[in-house]
Amino acid sequence: MKRTVKTLLSMMTTIVVMSIASIAYAQDAGISVEAAKANQGGYIALAAGLGLGLAALGGALGQGRAAATALDGIARNPGAADKIRGPMILGLALIESLVIYALIIAFMLMGKI
C-alpha cells in the first residue's frame, strides 16, 4: 500500500512540476528583446544562488556522514585509526572540491549578467 501511495505521489508531483514549467517559460508576444535579456539576468542570478546553496548543502551532508562513519570506525577499532584517517581526509578534500567547483560555476554564471 505504501509503495502505491509513494508512486502516485511521485507521479502527481512530476505532473505538477511539468505543468508549472510550461507556464514559467512561456514568452509574451509583446516583450522586446532588451526586456527579455534584462529579465533573464534575474533567472541567472537565481540559478547561481540556488546551485551554490544546493552544492553546499550536499557537501555538508556528505562531509558530516563521512566524518561520522570514520569516527565510528575508529571508536570500534582504535588500532585502525591510522588506516582510516588518511582516506577520510582525502574523501573530505574531494567532497569539498565539488563545492568549490559549484562556486566557480556560480561566479561564471554571475559574469553573464
N, C-alpha and C. Protein backbone atom coordinates (compact mmCIF):
# COMPACT_ATOMS: atom_id res chain seq x y z
N MET A 1 0.82 -1.19 0.00
CA MET A 1 0.00 0.00 0.00
C MET A 1 0.86 1.25 0.00
N LYS A 2 1.93 1.25 0.83
CA LYS A 2 2.79 2.42 0.90
C LYS A 2 3.49 2.68 -0.43
N ARG A 3 3.88 1.62 -1.10
CA ARG A 3 4.58 1.77 -2.37
C ARG A 3 3.66 2.39 -3.42
N THR A 4 2.40 2.01 -3.44
CA THR A 4 1.44 2.56 -4.38
C THR A 4 1.21 4.05 -4.11
N VAL A 5 1.09 4.40 -2.85
CA VAL A 5 0.89 5.81 -2.49
C VAL A 5 2.12 6.62 -2.85
N LYS A 6 3.30 6.06 -2.59
CA LYS A 6 4.54 6.75 -2.92
C LYS A 6 4.68 6.96 -4.42
N THR A 7 4.35 5.95 -5.20
CA THR A 7 4.41 6.07 -6.65
C THR A 7 3.40 7.08 -7.17
N LEU A 8 2.21 7.06 -6.63
CA LEU A 8 1.18 8.00 -7.04
C LEU A 8 1.58 9.43 -6.68
N LEU A 9 2.13 9.63 -5.50
CA LEU A 9 2.57 10.96 -5.09
C LEU A 9 3.71 11.45 -5.98
N SER A 10 4.62 10.56 -6.33
CA SER A 10 5.73 10.92 -7.22
C SER A 10 5.22 11.32 -8.60
N MET A 11 4.27 10.58 -9.12
CA MET A 11 3.71 10.91 -10.44
C MET A 11 2.97 12.24 -10.41
N MET A 12 2.21 12.49 -9.36
CA MET A 12 1.47 13.75 -9.24
C MET A 12 2.42 14.93 -9.13
N THR A 13 3.51 14.77 -8.37
CA THR A 13 4.50 15.82 -8.25
C THR A 13 5.13 16.12 -9.59
N THR A 14 5.45 15.09 -10.35
CA THR A 14 6.03 15.27 -11.68
C THR A 14 5.07 16.01 -12.60
N ILE A 15 3.82 15.66 -12.57
CA ILE A 15 2.82 16.32 -13.42
C ILE A 15 2.69 17.79 -13.05
N VAL A 16 2.65 18.10 -11.76
CA VAL A 16 2.53 19.49 -11.33
C VAL A 16 3.75 20.30 -11.75
N VAL A 17 4.94 19.75 -11.56
CA VAL A 17 6.16 20.46 -11.94
C VAL A 17 6.19 20.70 -13.45
N MET A 18 5.80 19.71 -14.23
CA MET A 18 5.81 19.87 -15.68
C MET A 18 4.78 20.88 -16.14
N SER A 19 3.64 20.95 -15.49
CA SER A 19 2.63 21.93 -15.90
C SER A 19 3.04 23.33 -15.51
N ILE A 20 3.73 23.50 -14.39
CA ILE A 20 4.20 24.83 -14.00
C ILE A 20 5.33 25.28 -14.90
N ALA A 21 6.18 24.37 -15.33
CA ALA A 21 7.31 24.73 -16.17
C ALA A 21 6.85 25.31 -17.50
N SER A 22 5.79 24.79 -18.08
CA SER A 22 5.31 25.32 -19.35
C SER A 22 4.80 26.74 -19.19
N ILE A 23 4.21 27.07 -18.05
CA ILE A 23 3.74 28.43 -17.81
C ILE A 23 4.93 29.35 -17.53
N ALA A 24 5.91 28.86 -16.81
CA ALA A 24 7.04 29.70 -16.42
C ALA A 24 7.88 30.11 -17.62
N TYR A 25 8.01 29.24 -18.61
CA TYR A 25 8.85 29.55 -19.76
C TYR A 25 8.08 30.09 -20.95
N ALA A 26 6.82 30.38 -20.78
CA ALA A 26 6.05 30.98 -21.86
C ALA A 26 6.50 32.43 -22.05
N GLN A 27 6.60 32.86 -23.29
CA GLN A 27 7.07 34.20 -23.59
C GLN A 27 5.90 35.03 -24.10
N ASP A 28 5.83 36.27 -23.61
CA ASP A 28 4.81 37.19 -24.09
C ASP A 28 5.14 37.63 -25.50
N ALA A 29 4.11 37.86 -26.30
CA ALA A 29 4.33 38.26 -27.69
C ALA A 29 4.83 39.69 -27.78
N GLY A 30 4.45 40.56 -26.84
CA GLY A 30 4.80 41.97 -26.95
C GLY A 30 6.08 42.36 -26.25
N ILE A 31 6.84 41.41 -25.72
CA ILE A 31 8.04 41.75 -24.98
C ILE A 31 9.21 41.99 -25.95
N SER A 32 10.00 42.99 -25.67
CA SER A 32 11.12 43.30 -26.54
C SER A 32 12.32 42.42 -26.18
N VAL A 33 13.30 42.40 -27.06
CA VAL A 33 14.48 41.58 -26.86
C VAL A 33 15.29 42.11 -25.68
N GLU A 34 15.38 43.44 -25.56
CA GLU A 34 16.14 44.03 -24.46
C GLU A 34 15.50 43.71 -23.11
N ALA A 35 14.19 43.78 -23.05
CA ALA A 35 13.50 43.46 -21.81
C ALA A 35 13.64 41.98 -21.47
N ALA A 36 13.63 41.14 -22.49
CA ALA A 36 13.80 39.71 -22.24
C ALA A 36 15.19 39.41 -21.70
N LYS A 37 16.22 40.08 -22.24
CA LYS A 37 17.59 39.88 -21.74
C LYS A 37 17.73 40.40 -20.32
N ALA A 38 17.10 41.52 -20.01
CA ALA A 38 17.16 42.06 -18.65
C ALA A 38 16.46 41.13 -17.68
N ASN A 39 15.36 40.54 -18.12
CA ASN A 39 14.63 39.60 -17.27
C ASN A 39 15.42 38.31 -17.07
N GLN A 40 16.21 37.95 -18.06
CA GLN A 40 16.99 36.72 -17.99
C GLN A 40 18.09 36.82 -16.92
N GLY A 41 18.58 38.02 -16.66
CA GLY A 41 19.63 38.19 -15.65
C GLY A 41 19.18 37.76 -14.27
N GLY A 42 17.93 38.01 -13.95
CA GLY A 42 17.41 37.60 -12.65
C GLY A 42 17.36 36.08 -12.53
N TYR A 43 17.02 35.41 -13.61
CA TYR A 43 16.98 33.94 -13.58
C TYR A 43 18.38 33.35 -13.45
N ILE A 44 19.35 33.99 -14.08
CA ILE A 44 20.73 33.52 -13.96
C ILE A 44 21.21 33.68 -12.53
N ALA A 45 20.91 34.82 -11.91
CA ALA A 45 21.31 35.03 -10.52
C ALA A 45 20.62 34.03 -9.60
N LEU A 46 19.36 33.76 -9.85
CA LEU A 46 18.63 32.78 -9.06
C LEU A 46 19.24 31.39 -9.22
N ALA A 47 19.58 31.02 -10.45
CA ALA A 47 20.18 29.72 -10.70
C ALA A 47 21.54 29.60 -10.02
N ALA A 48 22.33 30.66 -10.06
CA ALA A 48 23.65 30.63 -9.41
C ALA A 48 23.50 30.48 -7.90
N GLY A 49 22.59 31.22 -7.32
CA GLY A 49 22.40 31.14 -5.87
C GLY A 49 21.85 29.80 -5.42
N LEU A 50 20.85 29.31 -6.13
CA LEU A 50 20.29 28.01 -5.77
C LEU A 50 21.28 26.87 -6.00
N GLY A 51 22.01 26.95 -7.08
CA GLY A 51 23.01 25.91 -7.37
C GLY A 51 24.10 25.86 -6.31
N LEU A 52 24.57 27.03 -5.91
CA LEU A 52 25.61 27.07 -4.88
C LEU A 52 25.07 26.60 -3.54
N GLY A 53 23.84 26.98 -3.23
CA GLY A 53 23.24 26.55 -1.97
C GLY A 53 23.04 25.04 -1.92
N LEU A 54 22.56 24.47 -3.01
CA LEU A 54 22.37 23.01 -3.05
C LEU A 54 23.71 22.28 -2.99
N ALA A 55 24.73 22.83 -3.65
CA ALA A 55 26.04 22.18 -3.61
C ALA A 55 26.62 22.23 -2.20
N ALA A 56 26.46 23.37 -1.53
CA ALA A 56 26.96 23.48 -0.15
C ALA A 56 26.20 22.54 0.78
N LEU A 57 24.90 22.43 0.59
CA LEU A 57 24.10 21.52 1.41
C LEU A 57 24.54 20.08 1.19
N GLY A 58 24.68 19.68 -0.06
CA GLY A 58 25.11 18.31 -0.35
C GLY A 58 26.51 18.03 0.16
N GLY A 59 27.41 18.99 0.01
CA GLY A 59 28.78 18.82 0.50
C GLY A 59 28.82 18.70 2.02
N ALA A 60 28.02 19.53 2.69
CA ALA A 60 27.99 19.48 4.16
C ALA A 60 27.42 18.15 4.64
N LEU A 61 26.36 17.68 4.00
CA LEU A 61 25.79 16.38 4.39
C LEU A 61 26.78 15.25 4.13
N GLY A 62 27.45 15.29 3.00
CA GLY A 62 28.43 14.26 2.68
C GLY A 62 29.62 14.26 3.63
N GLN A 63 30.12 15.45 3.95
CA GLN A 63 31.24 15.53 4.87
C GLN A 63 30.85 15.08 6.27
N GLY A 64 29.66 15.45 6.68
CA GLY A 64 29.20 15.02 8.00
C GLY A 64 29.06 13.51 8.10
N ARG A 65 28.51 12.94 7.06
CA ARG A 65 28.34 11.48 7.07
C ARG A 65 29.69 10.75 7.00
N ALA A 66 30.62 11.28 6.18
CA ALA A 66 31.94 10.65 6.07
C ALA A 66 32.70 10.73 7.39
N ALA A 67 32.65 11.90 8.02
CA ALA A 67 33.36 12.05 9.30
C ALA A 67 32.72 11.18 10.38
N ALA A 68 31.40 11.13 10.42
CA ALA A 68 30.73 10.32 11.43
C ALA A 68 31.05 8.85 11.26
N THR A 69 31.07 8.39 10.02
CA THR A 69 31.37 6.98 9.76
C THR A 69 32.82 6.66 10.11
N ALA A 70 33.74 7.58 9.77
CA ALA A 70 35.14 7.35 10.10
C ALA A 70 35.36 7.34 11.61
N LEU A 71 34.73 8.27 12.31
CA LEU A 71 34.88 8.30 13.76
C LEU A 71 34.24 7.07 14.41
N ASP A 72 33.16 6.59 13.84
CA ASP A 72 32.54 5.38 14.36
C ASP A 72 33.48 4.19 14.17
N GLY A 73 34.13 4.12 13.02
CA GLY A 73 35.09 3.05 12.77
C GLY A 73 36.28 3.12 13.70
N ILE A 74 36.75 4.34 13.96
CA ILE A 74 37.88 4.49 14.88
C ILE A 74 37.47 4.12 16.30
N ALA A 75 36.24 4.48 16.68
CA ALA A 75 35.77 4.15 18.02
C ALA A 75 35.62 2.64 18.20
N ARG A 76 35.24 1.95 17.16
CA ARG A 76 35.08 0.49 17.26
C ARG A 76 36.43 -0.23 17.26
N ASN A 77 37.39 0.33 16.51
CA ASN A 77 38.70 -0.31 16.42
C ASN A 77 39.77 0.78 16.46
N PRO A 78 40.21 1.18 17.65
CA PRO A 78 41.19 2.27 17.75
C PRO A 78 42.52 1.94 17.08
N GLY A 79 42.83 0.69 16.91
CA GLY A 79 44.08 0.33 16.25
C GLY A 79 44.09 0.66 14.77
N ALA A 80 42.94 0.82 14.17
CA ALA A 80 42.85 1.12 12.74
C ALA A 80 42.75 2.62 12.46
N ALA A 81 42.99 3.44 13.46
CA ALA A 81 42.84 4.89 13.29
C ALA A 81 43.75 5.43 12.19
N ASP A 82 44.98 4.94 12.13
CA ASP A 82 45.90 5.44 11.11
C ASP A 82 45.47 5.04 9.71
N LYS A 83 44.86 3.86 9.58
CA LYS A 83 44.40 3.41 8.27
C LYS A 83 43.12 4.10 7.83
N ILE A 84 42.36 4.63 8.76
CA ILE A 84 41.08 5.28 8.44
C ILE A 84 41.27 6.77 8.20
N ARG A 85 42.18 7.40 8.95
CA ARG A 85 42.33 8.85 8.91
C ARG A 85 42.74 9.37 7.53
N GLY A 86 43.67 8.73 6.88
CA GLY A 86 44.16 9.20 5.57
C GLY A 86 43.08 9.20 4.50
N PRO A 87 42.42 8.05 4.27
CA PRO A 87 41.35 8.04 3.28
C PRO A 87 40.19 8.98 3.62
N MET A 88 39.93 9.17 4.93
CA MET A 88 38.86 10.08 5.32
C MET A 88 39.21 11.52 4.92
N ILE A 89 40.42 11.94 5.18
CA ILE A 89 40.84 13.30 4.83
C ILE A 89 40.83 13.48 3.32
N LEU A 90 41.27 12.46 2.58
CA LEU A 90 41.23 12.54 1.12
C LEU A 90 39.79 12.65 0.62
N GLY A 91 38.90 11.85 1.19
CA GLY A 91 37.49 11.92 0.81
C GLY A 91 36.88 13.26 1.13
N LEU A 92 37.20 13.83 2.29
CA LEU A 92 36.67 15.15 2.65
C LEU A 92 37.19 16.22 1.69
N ALA A 93 38.45 16.10 1.28
CA ALA A 93 39.00 17.07 0.34
C ALA A 93 38.31 16.97 -1.02
N LEU A 94 38.01 15.75 -1.47
CA LEU A 94 37.32 15.58 -2.74
C LEU A 94 35.88 16.09 -2.68
N ILE A 95 35.22 15.87 -1.55
CA ILE A 95 33.86 16.39 -1.39
C ILE A 95 33.88 17.92 -1.42
N GLU A 96 34.85 18.50 -0.73
CA GLU A 96 34.96 19.97 -0.70
C GLU A 96 35.29 20.53 -2.08
N SER A 97 36.06 19.78 -2.87
CA SER A 97 36.39 20.27 -4.21
C SER A 97 35.15 20.39 -5.09
N LEU A 98 34.19 19.51 -4.89
CA LEU A 98 32.95 19.61 -5.67
C LEU A 98 32.19 20.90 -5.34
N VAL A 99 32.20 21.29 -4.07
CA VAL A 99 31.55 22.54 -3.67
C VAL A 99 32.30 23.73 -4.25
N ILE A 100 33.62 23.65 -4.30
CA ILE A 100 34.41 24.74 -4.89
C ILE A 100 34.13 24.83 -6.39
N TYR A 101 33.95 23.71 -7.07
CA TYR A 101 33.57 23.74 -8.49
C TYR A 101 32.22 24.43 -8.67
N ALA A 102 31.29 24.16 -7.78
CA ALA A 102 29.99 24.82 -7.85
C ALA A 102 30.14 26.32 -7.64
N LEU A 103 31.03 26.73 -6.75
CA LEU A 103 31.29 28.16 -6.54
C LEU A 103 31.85 28.81 -7.79
N ILE A 104 32.76 28.13 -8.45
CA ILE A 104 33.34 28.67 -9.69
C ILE A 104 32.27 28.80 -10.76
N ILE A 105 31.42 27.80 -10.89
CA ILE A 105 30.34 27.86 -11.88
C ILE A 105 29.38 28.99 -11.54
N ALA A 106 29.09 29.20 -10.26
CA ALA A 106 28.22 30.31 -9.86
C ALA A 106 28.85 31.65 -10.24
N PHE A 107 30.15 31.80 -10.03
CA PHE A 107 30.83 33.04 -10.42
C PHE A 107 30.78 33.23 -11.94
N MET A 108 30.93 32.15 -12.68
CA MET A 108 30.86 32.24 -14.14
C MET A 108 29.46 32.65 -14.60
N LEU A 109 28.44 32.11 -13.94
CA LEU A 109 27.07 32.50 -14.28
C LEU A 109 26.82 33.96 -13.92
N MET A 110 27.34 34.42 -12.82
CA MET A 110 27.15 35.82 -12.43
C MET A 110 27.86 36.75 -13.40
N GLY A 111 28.90 36.27 -14.05
CA GLY A 111 29.59 37.08 -15.07
C GLY A 111 28.75 37.26 -16.33
N LYS A 112 27.74 36.44 -16.52
CA LYS A 112 26.89 36.57 -17.71
C LYS A 112 25.80 37.60 -17.56
N ILE A 113 25.63 38.13 -16.35
CA ILE A 113 24.57 39.13 -16.12
C ILE A 113 25.01 40.47 -16.66
